[in-house]
N, C-alpha and C. Protein backbone atom coordinates (compact mmCIF):
# COMPACT_ATOMS: atom_id res chain seq x y z
N MET A 1 14.73 40.54 34.97
CA MET A 1 15.48 40.39 33.74
C MET A 1 15.08 41.48 32.77
N GLU A 2 16.05 41.89 32.02
CA GLU A 2 15.71 42.93 31.07
C GLU A 2 15.03 42.33 29.85
N LYS A 3 14.31 43.14 29.15
CA LYS A 3 13.47 42.72 28.03
C LYS A 3 14.29 42.06 26.91
N LYS A 4 15.47 42.59 26.58
CA LYS A 4 16.30 42.04 25.51
C LYS A 4 16.75 40.62 25.83
N LYS A 5 17.11 40.40 27.08
CA LYS A 5 17.57 39.09 27.50
C LYS A 5 16.43 38.07 27.41
N ILE A 6 15.24 38.46 27.83
CA ILE A 6 14.07 37.58 27.75
C ILE A 6 13.78 37.24 26.29
N LEU A 7 13.82 38.24 25.43
CA LEU A 7 13.58 38.01 24.00
C LEU A 7 14.64 37.10 23.40
N SER A 8 15.89 37.24 23.81
CA SER A 8 16.97 36.38 23.32
C SER A 8 16.75 34.94 23.74
N ILE A 9 16.39 34.75 24.99
CA ILE A 9 16.13 33.39 25.49
C ILE A 9 14.93 32.79 24.77
N ALA A 10 13.89 33.60 24.60
CA ALA A 10 12.69 33.12 23.90
C ALA A 10 13.02 32.75 22.46
N ALA A 11 13.80 33.56 21.78
CA ALA A 11 14.19 33.28 20.39
C ALA A 11 15.03 32.01 20.30
N ALA A 12 15.95 31.83 21.24
CA ALA A 12 16.78 30.63 21.25
C ALA A 12 15.92 29.38 21.48
N LEU A 13 14.98 29.50 22.41
CA LEU A 13 14.08 28.38 22.70
C LEU A 13 13.24 28.03 21.48
N VAL A 14 12.71 29.04 20.81
CA VAL A 14 11.93 28.80 19.59
C VAL A 14 12.81 28.13 18.54
N GLY A 15 14.05 28.59 18.41
CA GLY A 15 14.98 27.99 17.45
C GLY A 15 15.24 26.53 17.75
N VAL A 16 15.47 26.21 19.02
CA VAL A 16 15.71 24.82 19.41
C VAL A 16 14.47 23.96 19.14
N LEU A 17 13.32 24.47 19.53
CA LEU A 17 12.08 23.73 19.29
C LEU A 17 11.84 23.52 17.80
N ALA A 18 12.10 24.54 17.00
CA ALA A 18 11.93 24.42 15.55
C ALA A 18 12.88 23.38 14.98
N PHE A 19 14.13 23.37 15.46
CA PHE A 19 15.10 22.39 15.01
C PHE A 19 14.60 20.97 15.27
N PHE A 20 14.14 20.70 16.50
CA PHE A 20 13.66 19.36 16.83
C PHE A 20 12.37 19.02 16.09
N ALA A 21 11.51 20.00 15.90
CA ALA A 21 10.28 19.76 15.14
C ALA A 21 10.60 19.34 13.71
N VAL A 22 11.53 20.05 13.08
CA VAL A 22 11.91 19.72 11.71
C VAL A 22 12.64 18.38 11.67
N LYS A 23 13.56 18.18 12.60
CA LYS A 23 14.35 16.95 12.61
C LYS A 23 13.49 15.70 12.78
N TYR A 24 12.48 15.76 13.64
CA TYR A 24 11.70 14.56 13.95
C TYR A 24 10.36 14.47 13.24
N SER A 25 9.81 15.56 12.75
CA SER A 25 8.51 15.46 12.10
C SER A 25 8.60 15.55 10.59
N LEU A 26 9.60 16.19 10.05
CA LEU A 26 9.70 16.34 8.60
C LEU A 26 10.05 15.05 7.88
N PRO A 27 11.00 14.24 8.35
CA PRO A 27 11.33 13.01 7.61
C PRO A 27 10.13 12.08 7.37
N PRO A 28 9.25 11.83 8.37
CA PRO A 28 8.09 10.98 8.07
C PRO A 28 7.16 11.60 7.02
N ILE A 29 7.03 12.92 7.04
CA ILE A 29 6.19 13.58 6.04
C ILE A 29 6.80 13.41 4.66
N LEU A 30 8.11 13.62 4.56
CA LEU A 30 8.79 13.45 3.28
C LEU A 30 8.73 11.99 2.81
N ASP A 31 8.86 11.04 3.75
CA ASP A 31 8.73 9.62 3.41
C ASP A 31 7.36 9.34 2.81
N ASN A 32 6.31 9.86 3.46
CA ASN A 32 4.95 9.63 2.97
C ASN A 32 4.74 10.23 1.59
N ILE A 33 5.31 11.39 1.34
CA ILE A 33 5.18 12.01 0.02
C ILE A 33 5.85 11.12 -1.03
N LYS A 34 7.04 10.62 -0.73
CA LYS A 34 7.74 9.75 -1.68
C LYS A 34 6.98 8.44 -1.89
N ILE A 35 6.49 7.85 -0.80
CA ILE A 35 5.74 6.60 -0.91
C ILE A 35 4.50 6.82 -1.76
N ASN A 36 3.74 7.88 -1.48
CA ASN A 36 2.54 8.16 -2.26
C ASN A 36 2.86 8.36 -3.73
N LYS A 37 3.93 9.07 -4.02
CA LYS A 37 4.34 9.31 -5.41
C LYS A 37 4.68 8.00 -6.09
N ASP A 38 5.47 7.17 -5.42
CA ASP A 38 5.88 5.88 -5.99
C ASP A 38 4.68 4.96 -6.22
N LEU A 39 3.78 4.89 -5.24
CA LEU A 39 2.60 4.03 -5.37
C LEU A 39 1.69 4.51 -6.49
N LYS A 40 1.49 5.82 -6.56
CA LYS A 40 0.64 6.38 -7.61
C LYS A 40 1.20 6.07 -8.99
N GLU A 41 2.50 6.29 -9.17
CA GLU A 41 3.13 6.02 -10.46
C GLU A 41 3.05 4.54 -10.82
N ALA A 42 3.27 3.67 -9.85
CA ALA A 42 3.21 2.23 -10.12
C ALA A 42 1.79 1.80 -10.49
N ALA A 43 0.79 2.32 -9.76
CA ALA A 43 -0.60 1.97 -10.05
C ALA A 43 -1.01 2.48 -11.43
N GLU A 44 -0.63 3.70 -11.76
CA GLU A 44 -0.96 4.25 -13.07
C GLU A 44 -0.30 3.46 -14.19
N SER A 45 0.94 3.05 -13.97
CA SER A 45 1.65 2.26 -14.97
C SER A 45 0.96 0.91 -15.19
N GLU A 46 0.61 0.25 -14.10
CA GLU A 46 -0.07 -1.05 -14.22
C GLU A 46 -1.46 -0.89 -14.82
N ASN A 47 -2.18 0.15 -14.42
CA ASN A 47 -3.53 0.36 -14.93
C ASN A 47 -3.53 0.64 -16.43
N SER A 48 -2.46 1.27 -16.92
CA SER A 48 -2.39 1.56 -18.37
C SER A 48 -2.32 0.28 -19.20
N LYS A 49 -1.97 -0.84 -18.58
CA LYS A 49 -1.88 -2.13 -19.28
C LYS A 49 -3.20 -2.91 -19.22
N CYS A 50 -4.17 -2.41 -18.47
CA CYS A 50 -5.43 -3.12 -18.25
C CYS A 50 -6.42 -2.86 -19.37
N PRO A 51 -7.28 -3.82 -19.69
CA PRO A 51 -7.31 -5.17 -19.10
C PRO A 51 -6.10 -5.98 -19.58
N ASN A 52 -5.61 -6.81 -18.68
CA ASN A 52 -4.39 -7.56 -18.92
C ASN A 52 -4.56 -8.99 -18.41
N THR A 53 -4.35 -9.95 -19.28
CA THR A 53 -4.44 -11.35 -18.86
C THR A 53 -3.22 -11.67 -18.01
N ILE A 54 -3.48 -12.08 -16.75
CA ILE A 54 -2.37 -12.37 -15.83
C ILE A 54 -2.20 -13.87 -15.59
N ALA A 55 -3.22 -14.64 -15.95
CA ALA A 55 -3.17 -16.11 -15.87
C ALA A 55 -4.29 -16.61 -16.78
N ASP A 56 -4.25 -17.88 -17.07
CA ASP A 56 -5.28 -18.45 -17.93
C ASP A 56 -6.66 -18.23 -17.31
N GLY A 57 -7.48 -17.43 -17.96
CA GLY A 57 -8.83 -17.17 -17.47
C GLY A 57 -8.93 -16.10 -16.40
N LEU A 58 -7.83 -15.42 -16.08
CA LEU A 58 -7.84 -14.38 -15.05
C LEU A 58 -7.31 -13.08 -15.66
N VAL A 59 -8.13 -12.05 -15.61
CA VAL A 59 -7.80 -10.77 -16.24
C VAL A 59 -7.73 -9.67 -15.18
N MET A 60 -6.64 -8.90 -15.19
CA MET A 60 -6.53 -7.72 -14.33
C MET A 60 -7.37 -6.64 -15.00
N GLU A 61 -8.44 -6.23 -14.32
CA GLU A 61 -9.37 -5.25 -14.88
C GLU A 61 -8.89 -3.81 -14.67
N LYS A 62 -8.42 -3.52 -13.46
CA LYS A 62 -7.92 -2.16 -13.19
C LYS A 62 -7.07 -2.15 -11.93
N VAL A 63 -6.23 -1.12 -11.85
CA VAL A 63 -5.37 -0.91 -10.69
C VAL A 63 -5.57 0.54 -10.26
N THR A 64 -5.86 0.74 -8.99
CA THR A 64 -6.18 2.07 -8.47
C THR A 64 -5.33 2.38 -7.25
N PHE A 65 -4.93 3.64 -7.12
CA PHE A 65 -4.19 4.11 -5.95
C PHE A 65 -5.12 4.97 -5.09
N VAL A 66 -5.15 4.70 -3.78
CA VAL A 66 -5.94 5.50 -2.84
C VAL A 66 -4.96 6.19 -1.90
N LYS A 67 -4.76 7.48 -2.12
CA LYS A 67 -3.72 8.24 -1.40
C LYS A 67 -3.94 8.27 0.11
N LYS A 68 -5.16 8.56 0.56
CA LYS A 68 -5.39 8.73 2.00
C LYS A 68 -5.12 7.45 2.79
N ASP A 69 -5.19 6.31 2.12
CA ASP A 69 -4.95 5.03 2.79
C ASP A 69 -3.60 4.41 2.44
N LYS A 70 -2.80 5.08 1.59
CA LYS A 70 -1.55 4.50 1.07
C LYS A 70 -1.82 3.06 0.60
N LYS A 71 -2.81 2.96 -0.31
CA LYS A 71 -3.27 1.64 -0.73
C LYS A 71 -3.35 1.57 -2.25
N VAL A 72 -2.93 0.43 -2.78
CA VAL A 72 -3.10 0.12 -4.20
C VAL A 72 -4.10 -1.03 -4.27
N ILE A 73 -5.13 -0.85 -5.10
CA ILE A 73 -6.18 -1.86 -5.24
C ILE A 73 -6.07 -2.50 -6.62
N TYR A 74 -5.95 -3.82 -6.63
CA TYR A 74 -5.89 -4.59 -7.86
C TYR A 74 -7.22 -5.33 -8.00
N GLU A 75 -7.92 -5.12 -9.12
CA GLU A 75 -9.17 -5.83 -9.38
C GLU A 75 -8.96 -6.80 -10.52
N ALA A 76 -9.14 -8.09 -10.21
CA ALA A 76 -8.95 -9.14 -11.21
C ALA A 76 -10.26 -9.93 -11.35
N ARG A 77 -10.52 -10.40 -12.58
CA ARG A 77 -11.79 -11.10 -12.84
C ARG A 77 -11.52 -12.42 -13.55
N PHE A 78 -12.21 -13.46 -13.03
CA PHE A 78 -12.20 -14.75 -13.70
C PHE A 78 -13.22 -14.68 -14.82
N ILE A 79 -12.78 -14.92 -16.05
CA ILE A 79 -13.70 -14.74 -17.18
C ILE A 79 -14.56 -15.97 -17.47
N ASN A 80 -14.20 -17.12 -16.92
CA ASN A 80 -14.95 -18.35 -17.20
C ASN A 80 -15.61 -18.97 -15.98
N TYR A 81 -15.52 -18.32 -14.83
CA TYR A 81 -16.03 -18.94 -13.61
C TYR A 81 -16.97 -17.99 -12.87
N GLY A 82 -18.00 -18.60 -12.29
CA GLY A 82 -18.96 -17.85 -11.49
C GLY A 82 -18.74 -18.13 -10.01
N LYS A 83 -19.45 -17.41 -9.20
CA LYS A 83 -19.32 -17.53 -7.75
C LYS A 83 -19.59 -18.95 -7.28
N SER A 84 -20.54 -19.62 -7.91
CA SER A 84 -20.90 -20.98 -7.49
C SER A 84 -19.81 -22.01 -7.79
N ASP A 85 -18.83 -21.64 -8.59
CA ASP A 85 -17.73 -22.55 -8.91
C ASP A 85 -16.64 -22.57 -7.83
N PHE A 86 -16.79 -21.76 -6.80
CA PHE A 86 -15.76 -21.63 -5.77
C PHE A 86 -16.29 -21.98 -4.39
N ASN A 87 -15.42 -22.58 -3.59
CA ASN A 87 -15.64 -22.64 -2.15
C ASN A 87 -15.00 -21.34 -1.65
N LEU A 88 -15.80 -20.34 -1.36
CA LEU A 88 -15.30 -18.99 -1.13
C LEU A 88 -14.34 -18.90 0.06
N GLU A 89 -14.63 -19.59 1.14
CA GLU A 89 -13.72 -19.55 2.30
C GLU A 89 -12.37 -20.17 1.97
N GLU A 90 -12.40 -21.30 1.30
CA GLU A 90 -11.15 -21.96 0.92
C GLU A 90 -10.38 -21.10 -0.09
N PHE A 91 -11.09 -20.53 -1.05
CA PHE A 91 -10.44 -19.68 -2.05
C PHE A 91 -9.77 -18.48 -1.37
N ARG A 92 -10.50 -17.81 -0.49
CA ARG A 92 -9.96 -16.63 0.19
C ARG A 92 -8.73 -17.00 1.02
N SER A 93 -8.83 -18.11 1.75
CA SER A 93 -7.72 -18.56 2.59
C SER A 93 -6.48 -18.89 1.75
N THR A 94 -6.68 -19.61 0.66
CA THR A 94 -5.57 -20.00 -0.21
C THR A 94 -4.93 -18.78 -0.86
N VAL A 95 -5.76 -17.87 -1.36
CA VAL A 95 -5.25 -16.66 -2.00
C VAL A 95 -4.49 -15.80 -0.98
N THR A 96 -5.05 -15.66 0.21
CA THR A 96 -4.41 -14.84 1.25
C THR A 96 -3.02 -15.37 1.58
N GLN A 97 -2.92 -16.66 1.82
CA GLN A 97 -1.62 -17.24 2.17
C GLN A 97 -0.64 -17.13 1.02
N GLY A 98 -1.12 -17.34 -0.21
CA GLY A 98 -0.26 -17.22 -1.37
C GLY A 98 0.27 -15.80 -1.54
N LEU A 99 -0.59 -14.80 -1.33
CA LEU A 99 -0.16 -13.41 -1.46
C LEU A 99 0.84 -13.02 -0.37
N ILE A 100 0.59 -13.49 0.85
CA ILE A 100 1.53 -13.22 1.95
C ILE A 100 2.90 -13.81 1.62
N ASN A 101 2.92 -15.06 1.19
CA ASN A 101 4.19 -15.72 0.86
C ASN A 101 4.91 -15.02 -0.28
N GLU A 102 4.16 -14.68 -1.32
CA GLU A 102 4.76 -14.02 -2.48
C GLU A 102 5.31 -12.64 -2.12
N MET A 103 4.54 -11.86 -1.35
CA MET A 103 4.97 -10.52 -0.99
C MET A 103 6.18 -10.57 -0.05
N ALA A 104 6.23 -11.56 0.83
CA ALA A 104 7.38 -11.70 1.73
C ALA A 104 8.66 -11.91 0.93
N VAL A 105 8.59 -12.68 -0.13
CA VAL A 105 9.76 -12.91 -0.98
C VAL A 105 10.11 -11.64 -1.75
N VAL A 106 9.09 -10.99 -2.30
CA VAL A 106 9.32 -9.79 -3.13
C VAL A 106 9.96 -8.66 -2.33
N ILE A 107 9.48 -8.40 -1.12
CA ILE A 107 10.03 -7.26 -0.37
C ILE A 107 11.47 -7.50 0.06
N LYS A 108 11.87 -8.75 0.14
CA LYS A 108 13.26 -9.04 0.50
C LYS A 108 14.18 -8.98 -0.71
N SER A 109 13.63 -9.17 -1.91
CA SER A 109 14.46 -9.23 -3.10
C SER A 109 14.38 -7.99 -3.99
N ASP A 110 13.39 -7.13 -3.77
CA ASP A 110 13.20 -5.96 -4.62
C ASP A 110 13.38 -4.69 -3.79
N ASP A 111 14.46 -3.97 -4.06
CA ASP A 111 14.78 -2.76 -3.28
C ASP A 111 13.75 -1.65 -3.40
N SER A 112 12.89 -1.68 -4.42
CA SER A 112 11.91 -0.61 -4.58
C SER A 112 10.87 -0.62 -3.45
N PHE A 113 10.77 -1.72 -2.72
CA PHE A 113 9.84 -1.79 -1.59
C PHE A 113 10.48 -1.40 -0.27
N LYS A 114 11.80 -1.27 -0.25
CA LYS A 114 12.54 -1.06 1.00
C LYS A 114 11.99 0.08 1.85
N GLY A 115 11.71 1.23 1.26
CA GLY A 115 11.22 2.39 2.00
C GLY A 115 9.76 2.32 2.38
N MET A 116 9.06 1.26 1.95
CA MET A 116 7.63 1.15 2.23
C MET A 116 7.31 0.19 3.37
N ILE A 117 8.28 -0.60 3.77
CA ILE A 117 8.04 -1.61 4.80
C ILE A 117 7.78 -0.92 6.15
N ASN A 118 6.75 -1.39 6.84
CA ASN A 118 6.33 -0.86 8.15
C ASN A 118 5.89 0.61 8.07
N LYS A 119 5.32 1.01 6.93
CA LYS A 119 4.83 2.38 6.75
C LYS A 119 3.33 2.41 6.45
N ASN A 120 2.61 1.36 6.85
CA ASN A 120 1.16 1.25 6.67
C ASN A 120 0.72 1.23 5.21
N VAL A 121 1.54 0.67 4.34
CA VAL A 121 1.19 0.52 2.93
C VAL A 121 0.40 -0.77 2.77
N ILE A 122 -0.71 -0.67 2.03
CA ILE A 122 -1.58 -1.83 1.83
C ILE A 122 -1.74 -2.11 0.34
N PHE A 123 -1.63 -3.38 -0.01
CA PHE A 123 -1.99 -3.84 -1.34
C PHE A 123 -3.27 -4.65 -1.18
N GLU A 124 -4.32 -4.19 -1.84
CA GLU A 124 -5.63 -4.85 -1.74
C GLU A 124 -5.92 -5.56 -3.05
N TYR A 125 -6.31 -6.82 -2.96
CA TYR A 125 -6.60 -7.64 -4.12
C TYR A 125 -8.08 -8.01 -4.10
N VAL A 126 -8.79 -7.66 -5.15
CA VAL A 126 -10.21 -7.95 -5.26
C VAL A 126 -10.38 -8.93 -6.43
N TYR A 127 -10.98 -10.07 -6.14
CA TYR A 127 -11.23 -11.08 -7.16
C TYR A 127 -12.72 -11.12 -7.45
N LEU A 128 -13.05 -11.07 -8.76
CA LEU A 128 -14.44 -11.05 -9.21
C LEU A 128 -14.69 -12.25 -10.10
N ASP A 129 -15.96 -12.67 -10.18
CA ASP A 129 -16.30 -13.74 -11.11
C ASP A 129 -16.66 -13.13 -12.47
N TYR A 130 -17.09 -13.96 -13.42
CA TYR A 130 -17.36 -13.45 -14.76
C TYR A 130 -18.52 -12.46 -14.80
N GLU A 131 -19.36 -12.46 -13.78
CA GLU A 131 -20.48 -11.51 -13.71
C GLU A 131 -20.14 -10.30 -12.83
N TYR A 132 -18.88 -10.15 -12.50
CA TYR A 132 -18.37 -9.05 -11.67
C TYR A 132 -18.86 -9.10 -10.22
N GLU A 133 -19.21 -10.30 -9.76
CA GLU A 133 -19.56 -10.46 -8.34
C GLU A 133 -18.27 -10.75 -7.58
N GLU A 134 -18.15 -10.14 -6.40
CA GLU A 134 -16.93 -10.29 -5.62
C GLU A 134 -16.82 -11.70 -5.03
N LEU A 135 -15.65 -12.30 -5.25
CA LEU A 135 -15.35 -13.61 -4.70
C LEU A 135 -14.54 -13.47 -3.41
N ALA A 136 -13.58 -12.57 -3.43
CA ALA A 136 -12.72 -12.37 -2.26
C ALA A 136 -12.08 -11.00 -2.35
N ARG A 137 -11.79 -10.45 -1.16
CA ARG A 137 -11.06 -9.18 -1.04
C ARG A 137 -10.00 -9.42 0.03
N VAL A 138 -8.74 -9.29 -0.37
CA VAL A 138 -7.63 -9.57 0.53
C VAL A 138 -6.75 -8.33 0.62
N LYS A 139 -6.49 -7.90 1.86
CA LYS A 139 -5.63 -6.73 2.09
C LYS A 139 -4.33 -7.21 2.72
N ILE A 140 -3.24 -6.87 2.05
CA ILE A 140 -1.92 -7.27 2.51
C ILE A 140 -1.18 -6.04 3.01
N LEU A 141 -0.76 -6.07 4.27
CA LEU A 141 -0.03 -4.97 4.89
C LEU A 141 1.46 -5.23 4.69
N LEU A 142 2.14 -4.26 4.13
CA LEU A 142 3.56 -4.39 3.80
C LEU A 142 4.41 -4.14 5.03
N ASN A 143 4.36 -5.09 5.95
CA ASN A 143 5.16 -5.01 7.17
C ASN A 143 6.19 -6.12 7.17
N ASP A 144 7.04 -6.10 8.14
CA ASP A 144 7.98 -7.20 8.32
C ASP A 144 7.66 -7.83 9.67
N PRO A 145 6.92 -8.94 9.71
CA PRO A 145 6.53 -9.78 8.61
C PRO A 145 5.27 -9.26 7.88
N VAL A 146 5.12 -9.68 6.64
CA VAL A 146 3.95 -9.34 5.84
C VAL A 146 2.74 -10.00 6.46
N THR A 147 1.62 -9.25 6.57
CA THR A 147 0.42 -9.80 7.17
C THR A 147 -0.82 -9.42 6.36
N ALA A 148 -1.88 -10.18 6.56
CA ALA A 148 -3.18 -9.84 5.98
C ALA A 148 -3.95 -9.07 7.05
N VAL A 149 -4.71 -8.07 6.62
CA VAL A 149 -5.51 -7.27 7.54
C VAL A 149 -6.95 -7.25 7.07
N LYS A 150 -7.84 -6.95 7.98
CA LYS A 150 -9.27 -6.90 7.62
C LYS A 150 -9.66 -5.53 7.18
């Protein structure tokens, strides 16, 4: 084969490979960029309201976004209760199930979560007592179905 023909075939092959690389690898990258941007903005917005009373005796202390994990961490503190006031296993179990149920409803009714489902997005909830001792840490994976992860 002559050199020009080989170069033409090679160029066409590179073009085809580039097309498929862009078509199949770029959308997930762009999705992740959008998800990270949305999560960061939401976390910053919520954190600007902190400390914020979210229930009687429960204060949201801070909200943080962790980009490498696509995770938003919510830290809430009970201002009148200590660790000894809780059955920690029962508390963790009850909170976990409540968060799963609530998030399952929210993702079906709020379109802002639509692009995040099944994309390894985690919402982590940390509950502290009045002395800032950890009572429970619950990680909710935004999948369909919504699940708790360790």
